[in-house]
N, C-alpha and C. Protein backbone atom coordinates (compact mmCIF):
# COMPACT_ATOMS: atom_id res chain seq x y z
N MET A 1 0.85 -1.18 0.00
CA MET A 1 0.00 0.00 0.00
C MET A 1 0.90 1.23 0.00
N SER A 2 0.59 2.20 -0.89
CA SER A 2 1.39 3.40 -0.95
C SER A 2 1.20 4.22 0.33
N THR A 3 2.14 5.13 0.57
CA THR A 3 2.07 5.97 1.76
C THR A 3 0.80 6.80 1.76
N ILE A 4 0.46 7.38 0.61
CA ILE A 4 -0.75 8.21 0.56
C ILE A 4 -2.00 7.36 0.82
N ASN A 5 -2.06 6.15 0.24
CA ASN A 5 -3.23 5.29 0.48
C ASN A 5 -3.32 4.89 1.95
N LYS A 6 -2.21 4.59 2.59
CA LYS A 6 -2.22 4.23 4.01
C LYS A 6 -2.69 5.41 4.84
N LYS A 7 -2.16 6.58 4.55
CA LYS A 7 -2.53 7.78 5.28
C LYS A 7 -4.03 8.06 5.13
N LEU A 8 -4.55 7.94 3.92
CA LEU A 8 -5.96 8.23 3.68
C LEU A 8 -6.87 7.16 4.26
N SER A 9 -6.39 5.94 4.37
CA SER A 9 -7.24 4.88 4.93
C SER A 9 -7.53 5.13 6.41
N ASP A 10 -6.70 5.94 7.06
CA ASP A 10 -6.90 6.26 8.46
C ASP A 10 -7.88 7.42 8.67
N GLU A 11 -8.24 8.13 7.62
CA GLU A 11 -9.12 9.29 7.73
C GLU A 11 -10.57 8.84 7.91
N GLU A 12 -11.29 9.57 8.76
CA GLU A 12 -12.69 9.26 9.06
C GLU A 12 -13.62 10.21 8.33
N VAL A 13 -14.82 9.72 8.05
CA VAL A 13 -15.87 10.56 7.49
C VAL A 13 -16.62 11.19 8.65
N VAL A 14 -16.80 12.50 8.61
CA VAL A 14 -17.47 13.22 9.68
C VAL A 14 -18.51 14.18 9.11
N LYS A 15 -19.46 14.55 9.96
CA LYS A 15 -20.46 15.56 9.58
C LYS A 15 -19.79 16.93 9.62
N LEU A 16 -20.01 17.71 8.59
CA LEU A 16 -19.42 19.05 8.52
C LEU A 16 -20.31 20.06 9.23
N GLU A 17 -19.68 21.10 9.76
CA GLU A 17 -20.37 22.18 10.45
C GLU A 17 -20.53 23.37 9.50
N GLU A 18 -21.47 24.25 9.84
CA GLU A 18 -21.73 25.42 9.00
C GLU A 18 -20.50 26.31 8.84
N THR A 19 -19.58 26.26 9.80
CA THR A 19 -18.36 27.07 9.72
C THR A 19 -17.44 26.64 8.58
N GLU A 20 -17.72 25.52 7.97
CA GLU A 20 -16.88 24.98 6.90
C GLU A 20 -17.30 25.45 5.50
N LEU A 21 -18.25 26.39 5.41
CA LEU A 21 -18.79 26.79 4.11
C LEU A 21 -17.72 27.21 3.12
N GLU A 22 -16.80 28.06 3.52
CA GLU A 22 -15.78 28.54 2.58
C GLU A 22 -14.88 27.40 2.11
N ALA A 23 -14.49 26.53 3.03
CA ALA A 23 -13.63 25.40 2.66
C ALA A 23 -14.34 24.44 1.73
N VAL A 24 -15.62 24.19 1.98
CA VAL A 24 -16.40 23.31 1.12
C VAL A 24 -16.57 23.94 -0.26
N THR A 25 -16.85 25.23 -0.29
CA THR A 25 -17.00 25.93 -1.56
C THR A 25 -15.71 25.83 -2.37
N THR A 26 -14.58 26.01 -1.71
CA THR A 26 -13.28 25.90 -2.38
C THR A 26 -13.09 24.51 -2.97
N LEU A 27 -13.43 23.48 -2.21
CA LEU A 27 -13.30 22.11 -2.72
C LEU A 27 -14.13 21.92 -3.98
N TYR A 28 -15.40 22.29 -3.93
CA TYR A 28 -16.26 22.11 -5.11
C TYR A 28 -15.78 22.95 -6.29
N GLU A 29 -15.26 24.14 -6.04
CA GLU A 29 -14.72 24.95 -7.13
C GLU A 29 -13.53 24.27 -7.78
N GLU A 30 -12.66 23.66 -6.97
CA GLU A 30 -11.49 22.96 -7.51
C GLU A 30 -11.91 21.73 -8.30
N VAL A 31 -12.90 21.00 -7.81
CA VAL A 31 -13.39 19.82 -8.53
C VAL A 31 -14.04 20.25 -9.84
N THR A 32 -14.86 21.30 -9.80
CA THR A 32 -15.52 21.80 -11.01
C THR A 32 -14.50 22.26 -12.04
N ARG A 33 -13.50 23.01 -11.59
CA ARG A 33 -12.44 23.48 -12.50
C ARG A 33 -11.72 22.29 -13.15
N HIS A 34 -11.42 21.27 -12.36
CA HIS A 34 -10.76 20.07 -12.87
C HIS A 34 -11.63 19.39 -13.93
N MET A 35 -12.93 19.27 -13.64
CA MET A 35 -13.83 18.66 -14.62
C MET A 35 -13.82 19.44 -15.93
N GLN A 36 -13.94 20.75 -15.83
CA GLN A 36 -13.98 21.58 -17.03
C GLN A 36 -12.67 21.51 -17.82
N GLN A 37 -11.55 21.49 -17.11
CA GLN A 37 -10.25 21.38 -17.77
C GLN A 37 -10.10 20.06 -18.51
N ASN A 38 -10.86 19.06 -18.06
CA ASN A 38 -10.80 17.75 -18.69
C ASN A 38 -11.99 17.51 -19.62
N GLY A 39 -12.67 18.59 -20.00
CA GLY A 39 -13.72 18.52 -21.01
C GLY A 39 -15.09 18.11 -20.52
N SER A 40 -15.31 18.08 -19.21
CA SER A 40 -16.61 17.68 -18.69
C SER A 40 -17.47 18.90 -18.36
N ASP A 41 -18.73 18.85 -18.80
CA ASP A 41 -19.67 19.91 -18.48
C ASP A 41 -20.61 19.51 -17.35
N GLN A 42 -20.22 18.50 -16.58
CA GLN A 42 -21.08 18.00 -15.50
C GLN A 42 -21.44 19.10 -14.51
N TRP A 43 -20.45 19.85 -14.05
CA TRP A 43 -20.68 20.96 -13.12
C TRP A 43 -20.14 22.24 -13.73
N ASP A 44 -20.74 23.36 -13.31
CA ASP A 44 -20.31 24.65 -13.82
C ASP A 44 -20.62 25.73 -12.78
N ARG A 45 -20.61 26.98 -13.18
CA ARG A 45 -20.85 28.06 -12.21
C ARG A 45 -22.30 28.11 -11.73
N TYR A 46 -23.18 27.39 -12.41
CA TYR A 46 -24.59 27.39 -12.02
C TYR A 46 -24.97 26.21 -11.10
N TYR A 47 -24.17 25.18 -11.15
CA TYR A 47 -24.41 24.01 -10.29
C TYR A 47 -23.11 23.23 -10.14
N PRO A 48 -22.76 22.87 -8.93
CA PRO A 48 -23.37 23.24 -7.65
C PRO A 48 -22.84 24.59 -7.18
N THR A 49 -23.60 25.26 -6.32
CA THR A 49 -23.26 26.61 -5.88
C THR A 49 -23.22 26.74 -4.36
N GLN A 50 -22.63 27.83 -3.92
CA GLN A 50 -22.47 28.06 -2.48
C GLN A 50 -23.80 28.06 -1.72
N PRO A 51 -24.88 28.65 -2.24
CA PRO A 51 -26.15 28.57 -1.48
C PRO A 51 -26.61 27.12 -1.25
N LEU A 52 -26.33 26.27 -2.19
CA LEU A 52 -26.66 24.85 -2.03
C LEU A 52 -25.81 24.21 -0.94
N PHE A 53 -24.52 24.51 -0.91
CA PHE A 53 -23.64 23.98 0.14
C PHE A 53 -24.07 24.52 1.51
N ALA A 54 -24.44 25.80 1.54
CA ALA A 54 -24.89 26.40 2.80
C ALA A 54 -26.13 25.69 3.32
N ALA A 55 -27.06 25.37 2.43
CA ALA A 55 -28.27 24.64 2.84
C ALA A 55 -27.90 23.23 3.32
N ASP A 56 -27.00 22.56 2.60
CA ASP A 56 -26.55 21.22 3.03
C ASP A 56 -25.97 21.28 4.43
N LEU A 57 -25.13 22.27 4.68
CA LEU A 57 -24.50 22.40 5.99
C LEU A 57 -25.53 22.75 7.07
N HIS A 58 -26.39 23.69 6.77
CA HIS A 58 -27.41 24.12 7.72
C HIS A 58 -28.33 22.96 8.12
N ASN A 59 -28.66 22.12 7.15
CA ASN A 59 -29.57 21.00 7.40
C ASN A 59 -28.87 19.74 7.91
N GLY A 60 -27.54 19.81 8.06
CA GLY A 60 -26.79 18.67 8.58
C GLY A 60 -26.68 17.53 7.59
N HIS A 61 -26.65 17.84 6.30
CA HIS A 61 -26.63 16.80 5.27
C HIS A 61 -25.26 16.55 4.66
N LEU A 62 -24.24 17.32 5.04
CA LEU A 62 -22.95 17.22 4.36
C LEU A 62 -21.93 16.51 5.25
N TYR A 63 -21.25 15.52 4.65
CA TYR A 63 -20.25 14.70 5.34
C TYR A 63 -18.98 14.74 4.52
N GLY A 64 -17.83 14.62 5.20
CA GLY A 64 -16.60 14.70 4.45
C GLY A 64 -15.41 14.05 5.12
N ILE A 65 -14.34 14.01 4.35
CA ILE A 65 -13.05 13.47 4.78
C ILE A 65 -12.04 14.61 4.67
N ARG A 66 -11.26 14.76 5.72
CA ARG A 66 -10.27 15.82 5.80
C ARG A 66 -8.87 15.19 5.83
N ALA A 67 -7.95 15.79 5.11
CA ALA A 67 -6.55 15.36 5.14
C ALA A 67 -5.68 16.58 4.89
N GLU A 68 -4.54 16.59 5.54
CA GLU A 68 -3.57 17.66 5.34
C GLU A 68 -4.21 19.04 5.50
N GLY A 69 -5.15 19.15 6.46
CA GLY A 69 -5.73 20.43 6.79
C GLY A 69 -6.83 20.93 5.88
N LYS A 70 -7.32 20.09 4.95
CA LYS A 70 -8.40 20.55 4.08
C LYS A 70 -9.36 19.41 3.78
N TRP A 71 -10.57 19.78 3.36
CA TRP A 71 -11.56 18.77 2.96
C TRP A 71 -11.15 18.22 1.61
N ILE A 72 -11.04 16.90 1.53
CA ILE A 72 -10.61 16.27 0.27
C ILE A 72 -11.73 15.48 -0.39
N GLY A 73 -12.80 15.26 0.33
CA GLY A 73 -13.95 14.57 -0.23
C GLY A 73 -15.19 14.89 0.57
N VAL A 74 -16.29 15.14 -0.11
CA VAL A 74 -17.55 15.44 0.57
C VAL A 74 -18.71 14.82 -0.18
N VAL A 75 -19.81 14.62 0.56
CA VAL A 75 -21.03 14.08 -0.03
C VAL A 75 -22.22 14.57 0.78
N ALA A 76 -23.32 14.86 0.10
CA ALA A 76 -24.56 15.24 0.77
C ALA A 76 -25.49 14.03 0.77
N LEU A 77 -26.10 13.78 1.93
CA LEU A 77 -27.01 12.65 2.10
C LEU A 77 -28.32 13.15 2.69
N ASN A 78 -29.42 12.86 2.02
CA ASN A 78 -30.74 13.21 2.53
C ASN A 78 -31.80 12.40 1.77
N ASP A 79 -33.05 12.77 1.94
CA ASP A 79 -34.10 12.03 1.23
C ASP A 79 -34.78 12.89 0.17
N GLU A 80 -34.10 13.90 -0.29
CA GLU A 80 -34.66 14.83 -1.28
C GLU A 80 -34.44 14.30 -2.70
N GLN A 81 -35.55 14.01 -3.37
CA GLN A 81 -35.50 13.54 -4.75
C GLN A 81 -36.10 14.61 -5.66
N GLY A 82 -35.40 14.91 -6.72
CA GLY A 82 -35.92 15.88 -7.68
C GLY A 82 -37.08 15.29 -8.47
N PRO A 83 -37.86 16.15 -9.09
CA PRO A 83 -39.00 15.67 -9.87
C PRO A 83 -38.59 14.76 -11.04
N GLU A 84 -37.33 14.88 -11.45
CA GLU A 84 -36.84 14.04 -12.55
C GLU A 84 -36.86 12.56 -12.17
N PHE A 85 -36.81 12.26 -10.88
CA PHE A 85 -36.79 10.87 -10.42
C PHE A 85 -38.17 10.21 -10.50
N ALA A 86 -39.21 11.02 -10.55
CA ALA A 86 -40.57 10.46 -10.60
C ALA A 86 -40.77 9.69 -11.91
N GLY A 87 -41.42 8.58 -11.80
CA GLY A 87 -41.72 7.80 -12.99
C GLY A 87 -40.65 6.81 -13.39
N LEU A 88 -39.49 6.84 -12.74
CA LEU A 88 -38.47 5.84 -13.05
C LEU A 88 -38.87 4.51 -12.39
N PRO A 89 -38.45 3.41 -12.96
CA PRO A 89 -38.85 2.10 -12.42
C PRO A 89 -38.02 1.66 -11.21
N TRP A 90 -38.13 2.43 -10.12
CA TRP A 90 -37.41 2.10 -8.90
C TRP A 90 -37.90 0.78 -8.34
N ARG A 91 -37.01 -0.05 -7.86
CA ARG A 91 -37.41 -1.32 -7.24
C ARG A 91 -38.06 -1.08 -5.88
N ASP A 92 -37.62 -0.05 -5.17
CA ASP A 92 -38.17 0.29 -3.86
C ASP A 92 -39.28 1.31 -4.05
N GLY A 93 -40.50 0.82 -4.25
CA GLY A 93 -41.63 1.71 -4.45
C GLY A 93 -42.45 1.91 -3.20
N TRP A 94 -42.00 1.39 -2.09
CA TRP A 94 -42.81 1.40 -0.87
C TRP A 94 -42.11 2.04 0.32
N GLY A 95 -40.81 2.13 0.26
CA GLY A 95 -40.06 2.52 1.45
C GLY A 95 -39.58 3.95 1.45
N ARG A 96 -38.51 4.16 2.15
CA ARG A 96 -37.90 5.48 2.36
C ARG A 96 -36.51 5.48 1.74
N ALA A 97 -36.35 6.22 0.66
CA ALA A 97 -35.08 6.24 -0.07
C ALA A 97 -34.17 7.36 0.41
N MET A 98 -32.91 7.02 0.62
CA MET A 98 -31.89 8.02 0.86
C MET A 98 -31.27 8.37 -0.49
N VAL A 99 -30.97 9.65 -0.69
CA VAL A 99 -30.41 10.09 -1.96
C VAL A 99 -29.01 10.65 -1.72
N ILE A 100 -28.07 10.22 -2.55
CA ILE A 100 -26.70 10.72 -2.53
C ILE A 100 -26.63 11.89 -3.52
N HIS A 101 -26.08 13.01 -3.05
CA HIS A 101 -25.93 14.20 -3.89
C HIS A 101 -24.49 14.69 -3.84
N ARG A 102 -24.01 15.18 -4.96
CA ARG A 102 -22.77 15.96 -5.04
C ARG A 102 -21.55 15.31 -4.41
N LEU A 103 -21.36 14.02 -4.63
CA LEU A 103 -20.15 13.36 -4.14
C LEU A 103 -18.98 13.94 -4.92
N ALA A 104 -18.00 14.49 -4.19
CA ALA A 104 -16.87 15.15 -4.83
C ALA A 104 -15.57 14.78 -4.12
N VAL A 105 -14.54 14.54 -4.91
CA VAL A 105 -13.21 14.24 -4.38
C VAL A 105 -12.22 15.21 -5.02
N HIS A 106 -11.40 15.83 -4.19
CA HIS A 106 -10.39 16.77 -4.68
C HIS A 106 -9.54 16.08 -5.75
N PRO A 107 -9.24 16.77 -6.84
CA PRO A 107 -8.48 16.16 -7.94
C PRO A 107 -7.17 15.50 -7.50
N ALA A 108 -6.47 16.08 -6.54
CA ALA A 108 -5.19 15.51 -6.09
C ALA A 108 -5.37 14.19 -5.36
N TYR A 109 -6.59 13.89 -4.93
CA TYR A 109 -6.84 12.67 -4.16
C TYR A 109 -7.70 11.66 -4.91
N GLN A 110 -8.04 11.97 -6.15
CA GLN A 110 -8.83 11.02 -6.93
C GLN A 110 -7.99 9.79 -7.25
N GLY A 111 -8.64 8.64 -7.26
CA GLY A 111 -7.94 7.40 -7.52
C GLY A 111 -7.31 6.77 -6.29
N HIS A 112 -7.62 7.31 -5.11
CA HIS A 112 -7.05 6.79 -3.86
C HIS A 112 -8.11 6.22 -2.93
N GLY A 113 -9.29 5.93 -3.46
CA GLY A 113 -10.33 5.28 -2.66
C GLY A 113 -11.20 6.20 -1.84
N ILE A 114 -11.06 7.52 -2.00
CA ILE A 114 -11.85 8.47 -1.22
C ILE A 114 -13.32 8.38 -1.62
N GLY A 115 -13.61 8.33 -2.90
CA GLY A 115 -14.99 8.21 -3.37
C GLY A 115 -15.63 6.93 -2.86
N LYS A 116 -14.88 5.85 -2.91
CA LYS A 116 -15.37 4.56 -2.42
C LYS A 116 -15.65 4.62 -0.91
N LYS A 117 -14.77 5.30 -0.19
CA LYS A 117 -14.96 5.43 1.26
C LYS A 117 -16.22 6.24 1.57
N LEU A 118 -16.45 7.31 0.82
CA LEU A 118 -17.67 8.10 1.00
C LEU A 118 -18.91 7.28 0.65
N LEU A 119 -18.82 6.47 -0.37
CA LEU A 119 -19.93 5.61 -0.77
C LEU A 119 -20.23 4.58 0.32
N ARG A 120 -19.20 3.95 0.86
CA ARG A 120 -19.40 2.98 1.96
C ARG A 120 -20.00 3.66 3.19
N PHE A 121 -19.55 4.89 3.47
CA PHE A 121 -20.13 5.65 4.57
C PHE A 121 -21.62 5.88 4.32
N ALA A 122 -21.97 6.28 3.11
CA ALA A 122 -23.38 6.53 2.76
C ALA A 122 -24.21 5.27 2.97
N GLU A 123 -23.66 4.13 2.59
CA GLU A 123 -24.39 2.86 2.78
C GLU A 123 -24.60 2.56 4.26
N ALA A 124 -23.56 2.75 5.07
CA ALA A 124 -23.70 2.52 6.51
C ALA A 124 -24.70 3.50 7.12
N PHE A 125 -24.66 4.73 6.66
CA PHE A 125 -25.60 5.75 7.13
C PHE A 125 -27.04 5.35 6.79
N ALA A 126 -27.25 4.84 5.59
CA ALA A 126 -28.59 4.41 5.17
C ALA A 126 -29.10 3.28 6.06
N VAL A 127 -28.24 2.33 6.37
CA VAL A 127 -28.63 1.21 7.24
C VAL A 127 -28.99 1.74 8.63
N GLU A 128 -28.10 2.55 9.21
CA GLU A 128 -28.30 3.07 10.56
C GLU A 128 -29.54 3.96 10.66
N SER A 129 -29.84 4.67 9.58
CA SER A 129 -30.97 5.61 9.58
C SER A 129 -32.27 4.95 9.12
N GLU A 130 -32.23 3.65 8.90
CA GLU A 130 -33.40 2.85 8.54
C GLU A 130 -34.05 3.27 7.22
N TYR A 131 -33.21 3.64 6.26
CA TYR A 131 -33.70 3.84 4.89
C TYR A 131 -33.89 2.46 4.28
N THR A 132 -34.70 2.38 3.25
CA THR A 132 -34.92 1.09 2.58
C THR A 132 -34.16 0.98 1.26
N SER A 133 -33.68 2.11 0.75
CA SER A 133 -32.90 2.08 -0.48
C SER A 133 -32.02 3.32 -0.57
N ILE A 134 -31.08 3.25 -1.51
CA ILE A 134 -30.18 4.37 -1.81
C ILE A 134 -30.34 4.67 -3.29
N ARG A 135 -30.49 5.95 -3.60
CA ARG A 135 -30.66 6.39 -4.98
C ARG A 135 -29.73 7.58 -5.28
N PHE A 136 -29.41 7.73 -6.55
CA PHE A 136 -28.65 8.90 -7.01
C PHE A 136 -28.60 8.87 -8.51
N ASP A 137 -28.12 9.97 -9.08
CA ASP A 137 -27.85 9.99 -10.51
C ASP A 137 -26.38 10.29 -10.72
N ALA A 138 -25.86 9.85 -11.85
CA ALA A 138 -24.45 10.06 -12.18
C ALA A 138 -24.35 10.43 -13.66
N TYR A 139 -23.53 11.40 -13.95
CA TYR A 139 -23.34 11.87 -15.32
C TYR A 139 -22.70 10.76 -16.15
N THR A 140 -23.33 10.41 -17.24
CA THR A 140 -22.84 9.27 -18.02
C THR A 140 -21.46 9.52 -18.63
N ALA A 141 -21.06 10.77 -18.77
CA ALA A 141 -19.72 11.06 -19.28
C ALA A 141 -18.65 10.94 -18.20
N ASN A 142 -19.05 10.78 -16.95
CA ASN A 142 -18.10 10.62 -15.85
C ASN A 142 -17.84 9.12 -15.67
N GLU A 143 -16.98 8.60 -16.52
CA GLU A 143 -16.75 7.15 -16.58
C GLU A 143 -16.19 6.58 -15.28
N ALA A 144 -15.35 7.34 -14.58
CA ALA A 144 -14.79 6.84 -13.32
C ALA A 144 -15.88 6.66 -12.28
N ALA A 145 -16.78 7.62 -12.17
CA ALA A 145 -17.88 7.51 -11.20
C ALA A 145 -18.81 6.36 -11.58
N ILE A 146 -19.15 6.26 -12.84
CA ILE A 146 -20.03 5.17 -13.31
C ILE A 146 -19.40 3.83 -12.96
N ALA A 147 -18.12 3.67 -13.22
CA ALA A 147 -17.43 2.40 -12.92
C ALA A 147 -17.46 2.10 -11.42
N MET A 148 -17.23 3.12 -10.58
CA MET A 148 -17.24 2.92 -9.13
C MET A 148 -18.62 2.46 -8.66
N TYR A 149 -19.66 3.11 -9.13
CA TYR A 149 -21.01 2.77 -8.69
C TYR A 149 -21.42 1.38 -9.15
N GLU A 150 -21.09 1.05 -10.38
CA GLU A 150 -21.47 -0.27 -10.89
C GLU A 150 -20.66 -1.37 -10.21
N LYS A 151 -19.38 -1.11 -9.94
CA LYS A 151 -18.56 -2.09 -9.23
C LYS A 151 -19.09 -2.31 -7.81
N ALA A 152 -19.68 -1.26 -7.22
CA ALA A 152 -20.24 -1.35 -5.87
C ALA A 152 -21.62 -2.01 -5.85
N GLY A 153 -22.11 -2.44 -7.01
CA GLY A 153 -23.36 -3.19 -7.06
C GLY A 153 -24.63 -2.38 -7.23
N TYR A 154 -24.51 -1.12 -7.63
CA TYR A 154 -25.70 -0.31 -7.85
C TYR A 154 -26.31 -0.66 -9.21
N ALA A 155 -27.63 -0.76 -9.25
CA ALA A 155 -28.34 -1.13 -10.47
C ALA A 155 -28.87 0.13 -11.16
N ALA A 156 -28.61 0.23 -12.44
CA ALA A 156 -29.14 1.34 -13.23
C ALA A 156 -30.64 1.11 -13.44
N VAL A 157 -31.42 2.17 -13.23
CA VAL A 157 -32.87 2.04 -13.40
C VAL A 157 -33.40 2.91 -14.53
N GLY A 158 -32.58 3.75 -15.09
CA GLY A 158 -33.01 4.61 -16.19
C GLY A 158 -32.11 5.82 -16.30
N GLU A 159 -32.44 6.70 -17.23
CA GLU A 159 -31.66 7.91 -17.44
C GLU A 159 -32.58 9.12 -17.44
N ILE A 160 -32.02 10.24 -17.00
CA ILE A 160 -32.73 11.51 -17.01
C ILE A 160 -31.82 12.56 -17.63
N ARG A 161 -32.42 13.68 -17.99
CA ARG A 161 -31.63 14.77 -18.57
C ARG A 161 -31.84 16.03 -17.75
N TYR A 162 -30.76 16.80 -17.65
CA TYR A 162 -30.83 18.11 -17.02
C TYR A 162 -30.50 19.15 -18.09
N PRO A 163 -31.08 20.34 -17.99
CA PRO A 163 -30.80 21.38 -18.99
C PRO A 163 -29.31 21.72 -19.06
N PHE A 164 -28.88 22.04 -20.24
CA PHE A 164 -27.53 22.51 -20.50
C PHE A 164 -26.44 21.47 -20.25
N ARG A 165 -26.80 20.21 -20.21
CA ARG A 165 -25.81 19.14 -20.08
C ARG A 165 -25.85 18.30 -21.35
N LYS A 166 -24.70 18.06 -21.90
CA LYS A 166 -24.59 17.36 -23.17
C LYS A 166 -25.06 15.92 -23.07
N TYR A 167 -24.74 15.26 -21.96
CA TYR A 167 -25.04 13.84 -21.81
C TYR A 167 -26.11 13.63 -20.73
N PRO A 168 -26.79 12.50 -20.79
CA PRO A 168 -27.79 12.21 -19.74
C PRO A 168 -27.12 11.76 -18.44
N PHE A 169 -27.92 11.70 -17.40
CA PHE A 169 -27.52 11.19 -16.10
C PHE A 169 -28.19 9.84 -15.90
N ARG A 170 -27.42 8.86 -15.49
CA ARG A 170 -27.96 7.53 -15.22
C ARG A 170 -28.36 7.46 -13.75
N CYS A 171 -29.56 6.96 -13.51
CA CYS A 171 -30.06 6.84 -12.14
C CYS A 171 -29.79 5.44 -11.62
N TYR A 172 -29.31 5.39 -10.39
CA TYR A 172 -28.93 4.12 -9.76
C TYR A 172 -29.70 3.92 -8.47
N GLU A 173 -29.79 2.64 -8.09
CA GLU A 173 -30.46 2.28 -6.85
C GLU A 173 -29.84 1.00 -6.29
N LYS A 174 -29.84 0.95 -4.97
CA LYS A 174 -29.48 -0.28 -4.27
C LYS A 174 -30.42 -0.39 -3.08
N LEU A 175 -30.99 -1.55 -2.89
CA LEU A 175 -31.84 -1.79 -1.72
C LEU A 175 -30.95 -1.98 -0.50
N VAL A 176 -31.36 -1.39 0.62
CA VAL A 176 -30.59 -1.53 1.84
C VAL A 176 -30.52 -3.00 2.26
N SER A 177 -31.56 -3.75 1.94
CA SER A 177 -31.54 -5.19 2.28
C SER A 177 -30.40 -5.91 1.59
N GLU A 178 -29.90 -5.37 0.49
CA GLU A 178 -28.76 -5.96 -0.22
C GLU A 178 -27.44 -5.66 0.50
N LEU A 179 -27.46 -4.72 1.43
CA LEU A 179 -26.26 -4.35 2.18
C LEU A 179 -26.12 -5.17 3.45
N CYS A 180 -27.23 -5.64 3.95
CA CYS A 180 -27.24 -6.37 5.23
C CYS A 180 -27.12 -7.86 4.99
N PRO A 181 -26.26 -8.53 5.76
CA PRO A 181 -26.11 -9.98 5.58
C PRO A 181 -27.35 -10.75 6.02
């Protein structure tokens, strides 16, 4: 195991406080800039934005991993589903779905398991919070994210489109019962 991977494996996922708004905004700006430099239109100056991060923090929905004095990965977890999710053939049509939003890993730490660690945290959170499923969408042009989600056993249930995005977003779901032995 490389030194950086060992160091990062010791980092814990924690709930962020409202005082972290500027640091979180900086992280998302760096991730967005990296995406754009690599030809991705997934995020831009219109989404995601600081008011959204402020709401995530205020509502206690944002969790992250800190290393070397800065946030290197964050994710929002709640039960808020956009209207685009309606009508998709979700397997969990009866329960309470947790939704993963805005999972982001600082470019310098991508490829070191941070995204996977945040995903595992989200799954444990869903179990502990008695959700019945986990849902999210992922930009189909973000091949690394798609590969991570599919490798983690998430099932694609359909695709949706958002304005001003060249490619569709694939919607994924996993039943919490699939997480429990």
